[in-house]
Amino acid sequence: MKTQIERSLQYSIKDGIAYAIMFGIGETYFVAYALYLKATTFDIAFLSAFPILFGSLVQLLSVWIQNKGVTRQRLILIGACIQGATWLPIIIVPLFFSNNSVHLLIAFVILYYMAGNFIVPVWTDWMGDLIQEKKRGRFFAHRTRLINATTFGAMVVGGIILHMHEVSGDQAKGFITIFAIACAGRCASVFFLLKMEDPFPPKKQTEIDVHALHFSQLVPNHRALIFTLFVSLIQFATFIAAPYFSVYMLKTMQLDYVVFMSLLAVSVMTQFLTLNYWGKLSDYVGNRLILVYTSMLLPVLPILWLFSTNLMYLCFIQILGGLTWAGFSLCVNNSIYELIEPKQRPNFCAFYNVVCHICIACGALLGGWLASLNITKIDFILFQTNFDNPLFTVFLVSGLCRLTVVVMLIKYIHDEPIPFSTRRTYIRVTRLFPGLMIDWIVKKKDR
């Protein structure tokens, strides 16, 4: 069974790389595609909110079907195949039905997200069984690092293709090309998912009674509830601004696709370079310590956009953001496995993702509404300021909301205690990073 598990984990890494091609060259450019189709700021709000909202609700359906005895691999393959098929209408329909192109795009992106999110709780449960707990941090760090590297490369290729077609005056052909490659990436992902195996017998899940739903069936303990509240509110505050950085760069700053892609890619590359560090650090000191320190940086990120449009300055923001989100996201993912027993994990993951995605949708809609108000002057007690762009108000509100969530809730986040002294922790952490660099140099030399 060990060889079977190891082989499945290797295929899961290849699946992640193929998925990253789809994400990097396709999904990353949904907002750019919508702007090309003459989308308004409110259209971008709907594009950011509704696909995520409907996508989250379908996760409850996938858990319900799994509880009926359908295998995890079959459910994942169904979702992946449908998601791959949605690329065809996303490419064709908006370009040939120009009167309602943006609305049609939103509709098909909703279907795309529903198919993708159908997979999430089942995939999380499957990975939880395949990976040993003591290796979980390093495995996910390694897998995510490769995914980020592939995403980076795919984004670069996508930006270059769009720029070339923009210069030649045929942007539509550029979007058709990158979305066709994205579709091929999902097809490759399906192939690798077919190669994976599930050697574990189906677990008896905690059945969800849809007629008399008990909260304890979804959230088994108090720590899980606080954790869900914290992460979902962080997501709400984040997505007040998140969809509109692309709008700001493409419409306000009028960056070309190569520069736009480069700024996005800087963040992805930073995550690629730091995820292994975060993974080993989380295995040493636990997840809470990293969550605390990365959470303290999250409120600063959107506010930094207010001060300059210098490209080097924006690269610094993207590097800081990539570093912060890499550690935060990895430890959030690890915490789910620590907080929840395996038999309760699919139900909790479905509930957790629904709550997070509802908060994401609400945040995106709030950001769109704030942007539509065109607020450029803030006068609050002793604080007065004037902005050149109404999106700056959106960025400021996002930062303040993130700060409020962190101040109010981070003290209630706990994980399994790791026995260590302060001095030993200092030695471990400070020796960790030089040691990793030496390991990399030795491996490189051996090649």
Protein backbone atom coordinates (compact mmCIF):
# COMPACT_ATOMS: atom_id res chain seq x y z
CA MET A 1 0.00 0.00 0.00
CA LYS A 2 2.90 2.35 0.70
CA THR A 3 4.07 2.24 -2.92
CA GLN A 4 0.47 2.76 -4.04
CA ILE A 5 0.14 5.84 -1.82
CA GLU A 6 3.48 7.27 -2.91
CA ARG A 7 2.53 6.82 -6.56
CA SER A 8 -0.80 8.55 -6.00
CA LEU A 9 0.91 11.46 -4.27
CA GLN A 10 3.28 11.85 -7.22
CA TYR A 11 0.31 11.94 -9.58
CA SER A 12 -1.39 14.48 -7.30
CA ILE A 13 1.64 16.74 -7.78
CA LYS A 14 1.41 16.33 -11.56
CA ASP A 15 -2.32 17.04 -11.38
CA GLY A 16 -1.56 20.23 -9.44
CA ILE A 17 0.98 21.32 -12.07
CA ALA A 18 -1.51 20.73 -14.90
CA TYR A 19 -4.18 22.61 -12.95
CA ALA A 20 -1.71 25.47 -12.44
CA ILE A 21 -1.32 25.79 -16.21
CA MET A 22 -5.09 26.24 -16.48
CA PHE A 23 -5.17 28.70 -13.61
CA GLY A 24 -2.13 30.74 -14.61
CA ILE A 25 -2.85 31.17 -18.31
CA GLY A 26 -6.65 31.11 -18.08
CA GLU A 27 -8.40 31.92 -14.82
CA THR A 28 -5.90 34.66 -13.97
CA TYR A 29 -7.06 36.61 -17.04
CA PHE A 30 -10.84 36.47 -16.45
CA VAL A 31 -10.89 40.09 -15.26
CA ALA A 32 -8.73 41.22 -18.19
CA TYR A 33 -11.10 39.38 -20.55
CA ALA A 34 -14.12 41.06 -18.96
CA LEU A 35 -12.48 44.48 -19.28
CA TYR A 36 -11.75 43.73 -22.94
CA LEU A 37 -15.49 43.02 -23.33
CA LYS A 38 -16.20 46.50 -21.85
CA ALA A 39 -17.16 45.39 -18.34
CA THR A 40 -17.91 48.08 -15.74
CA THR A 41 -16.61 48.09 -12.17
CA PHE A 42 -19.93 46.65 -11.02
CA ASP A 43 -19.64 43.91 -13.64
CA ILE A 44 -16.24 43.04 -12.17
CA ALA A 45 -17.89 42.89 -8.73
CA PHE A 46 -20.44 40.37 -10.05
CA LEU A 47 -17.71 38.40 -11.87
CA SER A 48 -15.74 38.18 -8.63
CA ALA A 49 -18.68 37.48 -6.31
CA PHE A 50 -21.29 35.25 -7.96
CA PRO A 51 -19.01 32.48 -9.32
CA ILE A 52 -17.42 32.05 -5.90
CA LEU A 53 -20.80 32.17 -4.14
CA PHE A 54 -22.50 29.56 -6.33
CA GLY A 55 -19.32 27.52 -6.42
CA SER A 56 -19.29 27.24 -2.64
CA LEU A 57 -22.89 26.07 -2.38
CA VAL A 58 -22.28 23.12 -4.69
CA GLN A 59 -19.73 21.73 -2.21
CA LEU A 60 -22.58 20.65 0.07
CA LEU A 61 -23.93 18.63 -2.85
CA SER A 62 -20.61 16.85 -3.40
CA VAL A 63 -20.41 15.87 0.29
CA TRP A 64 -24.00 14.62 0.22
CA ILE A 65 -23.24 12.49 -2.87
CA GLN A 66 -20.06 11.14 -1.24
CA ASN A 67 -22.09 10.13 1.81
CA LYS A 68 -24.25 8.04 -0.53
CA GLY A 69 -21.26 5.86 -1.35
CA VAL A 70 -19.90 7.36 -4.57
CA THR A 71 -16.11 7.06 -4.65
CA ARG A 72 -13.97 10.13 -4.13
CA GLN A 73 -12.06 9.66 -7.35
CA ARG A 74 -15.25 9.47 -9.43
CA LEU A 75 -16.63 12.68 -7.90
CA ILE A 76 -13.36 14.52 -8.52
CA LEU A 77 -13.22 13.32 -12.13
CA ILE A 78 -16.80 14.46 -12.78
CA GLY A 79 -16.04 17.96 -11.49
CA ALA A 80 -12.74 18.21 -13.36
CA CYS A 81 -14.26 17.09 -16.68
CA ILE A 82 -17.14 19.56 -16.43
CA GLN A 83 -14.74 22.36 -15.54
CA GLY A 84 -12.58 21.56 -18.55
CA ALA A 85 -15.64 21.55 -20.82
CA THR A 86 -16.73 25.05 -19.68
CA TRP A 87 -13.74 26.61 -21.44
CA LEU A 88 -15.41 26.14 -24.83
CA PRO A 89 -18.42 28.43 -24.13
CA ILE A 90 -16.18 30.87 -22.22
CA ILE A 91 -14.09 31.23 -25.40
CA ILE A 92 -16.83 31.26 -28.02
CA VAL A 93 -20.08 32.69 -26.67
CA PRO A 94 -19.01 36.16 -25.43
CA LEU A 95 -17.14 36.83 -28.67
CA PHE A 96 -20.10 35.97 -30.91
CA PHE A 97 -22.91 37.44 -28.78
CA SER A 98 -21.56 40.94 -28.25
CA ASN A 99 -24.79 42.47 -26.92
CA ASN A 100 -24.71 40.43 -23.71
CA SER A 101 -21.08 39.31 -23.76
CA VAL A 102 -20.17 40.28 -20.19
CA HIS A 103 -23.32 38.70 -18.70
CA LEU A 104 -22.74 35.50 -20.67
CA LEU A 105 -19.14 35.43 -19.49
CA ILE A 106 -20.27 35.74 -15.86
CA ALA A 107 -22.78 32.90 -16.37
CA PHE A 108 -20.19 30.51 -17.78
CA VAL A 109 -17.57 31.47 -15.20
CA ILE A 110 -20.19 30.60 -12.54
CA LEU A 111 -20.47 27.13 -14.09
CA TYR A 112 -16.65 26.90 -14.21
CA TYR A 113 -16.38 27.68 -10.48
CA MET A 114 -19.23 25.35 -9.56
CA ALA A 115 -17.46 22.44 -11.27
CA GLY A 116 -14.13 23.33 -9.64
CA ASN A 117 -15.57 23.77 -6.15
CA PHE A 118 -17.53 20.52 -6.42
CA ILE A 119 -14.15 18.81 -6.05
CA VAL A 120 -12.75 20.70 -3.05
CA PRO A 121 -14.13 18.92 0.08
CA VAL A 122 -13.69 15.47 -1.48
CA TRP A 123 -10.14 16.23 -2.61
CA THR A 124 -9.26 17.61 0.83
CA ASP A 125 -10.54 14.44 2.47
CA TRP A 126 -8.61 12.24 0.03
CA MET A 127 -5.33 14.10 0.55
CA GLY A 128 -5.81 13.94 4.32
CA ASP A 129 -5.83 10.14 4.11
CA LEU A 130 -2.88 9.87 1.72
CA ILE A 131 -0.42 12.12 3.57
CA GLN A 132 1.11 11.33 6.97
CA GLU A 133 0.48 14.07 9.51
CA LYS A 134 4.16 14.64 10.31
CA LYS A 135 4.96 15.17 6.60
CA ARG A 136 1.88 17.25 5.76
CA GLY A 137 3.45 20.68 6.05
CA ARG A 138 6.43 19.82 3.87
CA PHE A 139 4.39 17.92 1.27
CA PHE A 140 1.88 20.72 0.75
CA ALA A 141 4.69 23.28 0.74
CA HIS A 142 6.51 21.27 -1.96
CA ARG A 143 3.36 20.73 -4.03
CA THR A 144 2.22 24.33 -3.72
CA ARG A 145 5.71 25.55 -4.57
CA LEU A 146 5.67 23.61 -7.84
CA ILE A 147 2.15 24.84 -8.55
CA ASN A 148 3.22 28.43 -7.99
CA ALA A 149 6.25 28.01 -10.26
CA THR A 150 4.03 26.60 -13.00
CA THR A 151 1.44 29.33 -12.44
CA PHE A 152 4.22 31.89 -12.79
CA GLY A 153 5.36 30.42 -16.09
CA ALA A 154 1.81 30.13 -17.41
CA MET A 155 1.06 33.74 -16.45
CA VAL A 156 4.19 34.91 -18.26
CA VAL A 157 3.23 32.99 -21.39
CA GLY A 158 -0.33 34.30 -21.19
CA GLY A 159 0.80 37.91 -20.80
CA ILE A 160 3.21 37.64 -23.73
CA ILE A 161 0.55 36.08 -25.99
CA LEU A 162 -1.98 38.80 -25.10
CA HIS A 163 0.60 41.54 -25.61
CA MET A 164 1.59 40.19 -29.02
CA HIS A 165 -2.03 40.09 -30.18
CA GLU A 166 -2.72 43.52 -28.65
CA VAL A 167 0.13 45.00 -30.70
CA SER A 168 -1.18 43.29 -33.84
CA GLY A 169 -4.69 44.60 -33.16
CA ASP A 170 -6.37 41.22 -32.60
CA GLN A 171 -6.87 40.82 -28.85
CA ALA A 172 -9.78 38.40 -29.32
CA LYS A 173 -7.46 35.84 -30.91
CA GLY A 174 -5.07 36.26 -27.97
CA PHE A 175 -7.78 35.36 -25.45
CA ILE A 176 -8.90 32.41 -27.59
CA THR A 177 -5.31 31.11 -27.61
CA ILE A 178 -4.67 31.35 -23.87
CA PHE A 179 -8.05 29.88 -22.94
CA ALA A 180 -7.51 26.97 -25.34
CA ILE A 181 -4.19 26.25 -23.57
CA ALA A 182 -6.02 26.48 -20.23
CA CYS A 183 -8.51 23.87 -21.44
CA ALA A 184 -5.63 21.58 -22.46
CA GLY A 185 -4.15 22.01 -18.98
CA ARG A 186 -7.37 20.79 -17.35
CA CYS A 187 -7.49 17.83 -19.74
CA ALA A 188 -3.97 16.86 -18.61
CA SER A 189 -5.11 17.25 -15.00
CA VAL A 190 -7.95 14.77 -15.63
CA PHE A 191 -5.44 12.27 -17.06
CA PHE A 192 -3.30 12.40 -13.89
CA LEU A 193 -6.37 12.15 -11.64
CA LEU A 194 -7.30 8.95 -13.48
CA LYS A 195 -3.86 7.54 -12.60
CA MET A 196 -4.34 8.16 -8.87
CA GLU A 197 -5.68 5.43 -6.59
CA ASP A 198 -7.68 5.49 -3.37
CA PRO A 199 -6.45 2.48 -1.35
CA PHE A 200 -8.57 3.30 1.71
CA PRO A 201 -12.05 1.86 2.22
CA PRO A 202 -14.86 4.42 2.26
CA LYS A 203 -15.22 6.00 5.69
CA LYS A 204 -18.56 6.32 7.38
CA GLN A 205 -19.09 10.07 7.26
CA THR A 206 -21.13 12.02 9.76
CA GLU A 207 -24.32 12.14 7.73
CA ILE A 208 -25.86 15.57 7.16
CA ASP A 209 -29.58 15.54 7.92
CA VAL A 210 -30.96 18.13 5.53
CA HIS A 211 -34.35 18.08 7.30
CA ALA A 212 -33.03 18.68 10.80
CA LEU A 213 -29.54 20.06 10.37
CA HIS A 214 -27.44 19.97 13.53
CA PHE A 215 -24.68 22.53 13.73
CA SER A 216 -22.39 20.00 15.42
CA GLN A 217 -22.52 17.86 12.26
CA LEU A 218 -20.73 20.65 10.40
CA VAL A 219 -18.59 22.29 13.10
CA PRO A 220 -17.48 19.62 15.57
CA ASN A 221 -15.71 21.85 18.13
CA HIS A 222 -15.34 25.41 19.38
CA ARG A 223 -11.84 25.84 17.95
CA ALA A 224 -13.11 24.97 14.46
CA LEU A 225 -15.88 27.56 14.79
CA ILE A 226 -13.49 30.36 15.80
CA PHE A 227 -11.08 29.35 13.06
CA THR A 228 -13.85 29.45 10.43
CA LEU A 229 -15.03 32.85 11.66
CA PHE A 230 -11.50 34.28 11.58
CA VAL A 231 -10.57 33.02 8.10
CA SER A 232 -13.94 33.88 6.53
CA LEU A 233 -13.85 37.45 7.87
CA ILE A 234 -10.26 37.86 6.66
CA GLN A 235 -11.48 36.71 3.23
CA PHE A 236 -14.38 39.18 3.39
CA ALA A 237 -12.03 42.06 4.20
CA THR A 238 -9.52 40.95 1.57
CA PHE A 239 -12.02 40.71 -1.27
CA ILE A 240 -13.34 44.19 -0.66
CA ALA A 241 -10.23 45.21 -2.59
CA ALA A 242 -8.83 42.05 -4.26
CA PRO A 243 -10.85 42.10 -7.52
CA TYR A 244 -10.08 45.77 -8.13
CA PHE A 245 -6.28 45.75 -8.16
CA SER A 246 -6.49 44.41 -11.73
CA VAL A 247 -9.04 47.10 -12.62
CA TYR A 248 -6.72 49.73 -11.16
CA MET A 249 -3.69 48.45 -13.08
CA LEU A 250 -5.41 47.92 -16.44
CA LYS A 251 -7.89 50.83 -16.53
CA THR A 252 -6.45 53.54 -14.27
CA MET A 253 -2.72 52.97 -14.75
CA GLN A 254 -3.34 51.61 -18.29
CA LEU A 255 -0.55 49.08 -18.04
CA ASP A 256 0.04 46.82 -21.01
CA TYR A 257 -0.42 43.07 -20.55
CA VAL A 258 3.29 42.34 -20.14
CA VAL A 259 3.72 44.78 -17.23
CA PHE A 260 0.39 43.66 -15.72
CA MET A 261 1.46 40.03 -15.96
CA SER A 262 4.87 40.85 -14.50
CA LEU A 263 3.35 42.43 -11.40
CA LEU A 264 1.08 39.44 -10.84
CA ALA A 265 3.94 37.04 -11.46
CA VAL A 266 6.21 38.71 -8.88
CA SER A 267 3.79 37.67 -6.12
CA VAL A 268 3.54 34.12 -7.44
CA MET A 269 7.31 33.77 -7.73
CA THR A 270 7.77 35.04 -4.18
CA GLN A 271 5.42 32.32 -2.96
CA PHE A 272 7.36 29.76 -4.98
CA LEU A 273 10.65 30.80 -3.38
CA THR A 274 9.35 30.90 0.21
CA LEU A 275 6.84 28.08 0.54
CA ASN A 276 9.40 25.43 1.44
CA TYR A 277 10.66 27.70 4.21
CA TRP A 278 7.13 28.21 5.52
CA GLY A 279 6.44 24.46 5.34
CA LYS A 280 9.48 23.46 7.40
CA LEU A 281 8.89 26.34 9.80
CA SER A 282 5.28 25.26 10.38
CA ASP A 283 6.44 21.71 11.13
CA TYR A 284 8.85 23.12 13.74
CA VAL A 285 6.83 25.80 15.54
CA GLY A 286 3.24 25.02 14.62
CA ASN A 287 0.72 26.94 12.54
CA ARG A 288 -0.57 29.50 15.02
CA LEU A 289 2.70 31.41 15.37
CA ILE A 290 2.94 31.86 11.60
CA LEU A 291 -0.74 32.81 11.36
CA VAL A 292 -0.24 35.53 13.98
CA TYR A 293 2.72 37.19 12.30
CA THR A 294 1.41 36.94 8.74
CA SER A 295 -2.01 38.22 9.85
CA MET A 296 -0.36 41.33 11.25
CA LEU A 297 0.97 42.16 7.77
CA LEU A 298 -2.31 41.59 5.89
CA PRO A 299 -3.90 44.99 6.79
CA VAL A 300 -0.84 46.85 5.49
CA LEU A 301 -0.91 45.37 1.96
CA PRO A 302 -3.88 47.23 0.36
CA ILE A 303 -3.00 50.52 2.06
CA LEU A 304 0.47 50.49 0.49
CA TRP A 305 -1.19 50.93 -2.92
CA LEU A 306 -2.25 54.46 -1.94
CA PHE A 307 1.21 56.00 -1.96
CA SER A 308 2.83 55.49 -5.37
CA THR A 309 2.39 54.15 -8.91
CA ASN A 310 6.12 53.55 -9.35
CA LEU A 311 6.60 50.08 -10.80
CA MET A 312 9.50 49.18 -8.50
CA TYR A 313 7.39 50.22 -5.51
CA LEU A 314 4.50 48.06 -6.75
CA CYS A 315 6.93 45.15 -7.16
CA PHE A 316 7.89 45.58 -3.50
CA ILE A 317 4.19 45.40 -2.51
CA GLN A 318 3.77 42.24 -4.57
CA ILE A 319 6.84 40.64 -2.99
CA LEU A 320 5.60 41.46 0.51
CA GLY A 321 2.13 40.20 -0.40
CA GLY A 322 3.46 36.96 -1.86
CA LEU A 323 5.58 36.31 1.24
CA THR A 324 2.69 37.03 3.60
CA TRP A 325 -0.02 35.10 1.77
CA ALA A 326 2.26 32.09 1.23
CA GLY A 327 2.73 31.60 4.97
CA PHE A 328 -0.86 32.48 5.87
CA SER A 329 -2.51 30.22 3.26
CA LEU A 330 -0.25 27.24 3.98
CA CYS A 331 -0.96 27.36 7.71
CA VAL A 332 -4.69 27.85 7.17
CA ASN A 333 -4.69 24.69 5.04
CA ASN A 334 -2.64 22.74 7.60
CA SER A 335 -4.87 23.89 10.46
CA ILE A 336 -7.93 22.29 8.89
CA TYR A 337 -6.28 18.86 9.09
CA GLU A 338 -5.27 19.45 12.72
CA LEU A 339 -8.65 20.72 13.90
CA ILE A 340 -10.93 18.10 12.36
CA GLU A 341 -11.10 14.32 12.71
CA PRO A 342 -10.91 12.46 9.37
CA LYS A 343 -14.52 11.21 9.46
CA GLN A 344 -15.81 14.76 10.03
CA ARG A 345 -13.50 16.45 7.54
CA PRO A 346 -15.64 16.42 4.34
CA ASN A 347 -18.67 17.92 6.12
CA PHE A 348 -16.59 20.58 7.84
CA CYS A 349 -14.67 21.45 4.66
CA ALA A 350 -17.93 21.94 2.79
CA PHE A 351 -19.31 24.18 5.55
CA TYR A 352 -16.04 26.07 5.92
CA ASN A 353 -15.75 26.73 2.20
CA VAL A 354 -19.37 27.82 1.90
CA VAL A 355 -18.97 30.34 4.72
CA CYS A 356 -15.65 31.63 3.33
CA HIS A 357 -17.01 31.97 -0.18
CA ILE A 358 -20.17 33.75 0.98
CA CYS A 359 -17.90 36.21 2.78
CA ILE A 360 -15.72 36.56 -0.34
CA ALA A 361 -18.80 37.30 -2.45
CA CYS A 362 -20.11 39.85 0.06
CA GLY A 363 -16.70 41.52 0.21
CA ALA A 364 -16.43 41.76 -3.59
CA LEU A 365 -19.95 43.24 -3.85
CA LEU A 366 -19.23 45.73 -1.08
CA GLY A 367 -16.03 46.77 -2.85
CA GLY A 368 -17.91 47.24 -6.12
CA TRP A 369 -20.57 49.31 -4.39
CA LEU A 370 -17.96 51.49 -2.68
CA ALA A 371 -16.18 52.01 -6.01
CA SER A 372 -19.46 53.03 -7.67
CA LEU A 373 -19.97 55.78 -5.06
CA ASN A 374 -16.84 57.55 -6.40
CA ILE A 375 -15.72 58.60 -2.92
CA THR A 376 -12.51 60.62 -3.23
CA LYS A 377 -12.66 62.57 0.06
CA ILE A 378 -12.75 61.13 3.56
CA ASP A 379 -13.44 63.38 6.55
CA PHE A 380 -13.62 61.43 9.79
CA ILE A 381 -13.07 63.26 13.11
CA LEU A 382 -9.39 64.31 12.94
CA PHE A 383 -8.64 62.28 9.82
CA GLN A 384 -9.03 64.03 6.47
CA THR A 385 -7.73 62.98 3.08
CA ASN A 386 -8.37 63.38 -0.65
CA PHE A 387 -7.81 60.60 -3.14
CA ASP A 388 -7.10 60.84 -6.85
CA ASN A 389 -9.05 57.64 -7.52
CA PRO A 390 -12.21 56.22 -5.85
CA LEU A 391 -10.58 52.78 -5.79
CA PHE A 392 -8.20 54.12 -3.14
CA THR A 393 -11.19 54.34 -0.78
CA VAL A 394 -11.86 50.66 -1.47
CA PHE A 395 -8.24 49.76 -0.69
CA LEU A 396 -8.31 51.79 2.56
CA VAL A 397 -11.56 50.20 3.75
CA SER A 398 -10.17 46.74 3.00
CA GLY A 399 -7.06 47.43 5.09
CA LEU A 400 -9.07 48.77 8.03
CA CYS A 401 -11.44 45.79 7.95
CA ARG A 402 -8.51 43.35 7.91
CA LEU A 403 -6.99 45.14 10.89
CA THR A 404 -10.28 44.95 12.82
CA VAL A 405 -10.60 41.20 12.24
CA VAL A 406 -7.00 40.50 13.26
CA VAL A 407 -7.19 42.61 16.44
CA MET A 408 -10.49 41.06 17.53
CA LEU A 409 -9.99 37.37 16.70
CA ILE A 410 -6.35 36.32 16.35
CA LYS A 411 -5.96 35.82 20.10
CA TYR A 412 -8.61 33.08 19.99
CA ILE A 413 -6.81 30.98 17.36
CA HIS A 414 -5.08 27.93 18.85
CA ASP A 415 -3.40 24.83 17.47
CA GLU A 416 -1.87 21.73 19.02
CA PRO A 417 0.89 22.83 21.43
CA ILE A 418 4.46 21.99 20.42
CA PRO A 419 6.79 21.62 23.40
CA PHE A 420 9.86 23.79 22.96
CA SER A 421 11.79 26.42 24.84
CA THR A 422 12.19 29.97 23.55
CA ARG A 423 15.94 29.51 23.10
CA ARG A 424 15.53 26.23 21.19
CA THR A 425 12.92 27.81 18.94
CA TYR A 426 15.25 30.70 18.16
CA ILE A 427 18.06 28.31 17.28
CA ARG A 428 15.78 26.16 15.13
CA VAL A 429 14.33 29.07 13.20
CA THR A 430 17.60 30.88 12.62
CA ARG A 431 19.36 27.70 11.53
CA LEU A 432 16.52 26.64 9.30
CA PHE A 433 16.98 29.17 6.52
CA PRO A 434 20.78 28.90 6.04
CA GLY A 435 20.43 25.13 6.17
CA LEU A 436 17.82 25.18 3.42
CA MET A 437 20.09 27.27 1.22
CA ILE A 438 22.98 24.82 1.74
CA ASP A 439 20.65 21.91 0.86
CA TRP A 440 19.64 23.66 -2.35
CA ILE A 441 23.24 24.38 -3.35
CA VAL A 442 24.28 20.77 -2.71
CA LYS A 443 21.36 19.36 -4.71
CA LYS A 444 22.06 21.74 -7.54
CA LYS A 445 25.71 20.74 -7.58
CA ASP A 446 24.90 17.03 -7.59
CA ARG A 447 22.88 17.49 -10.74
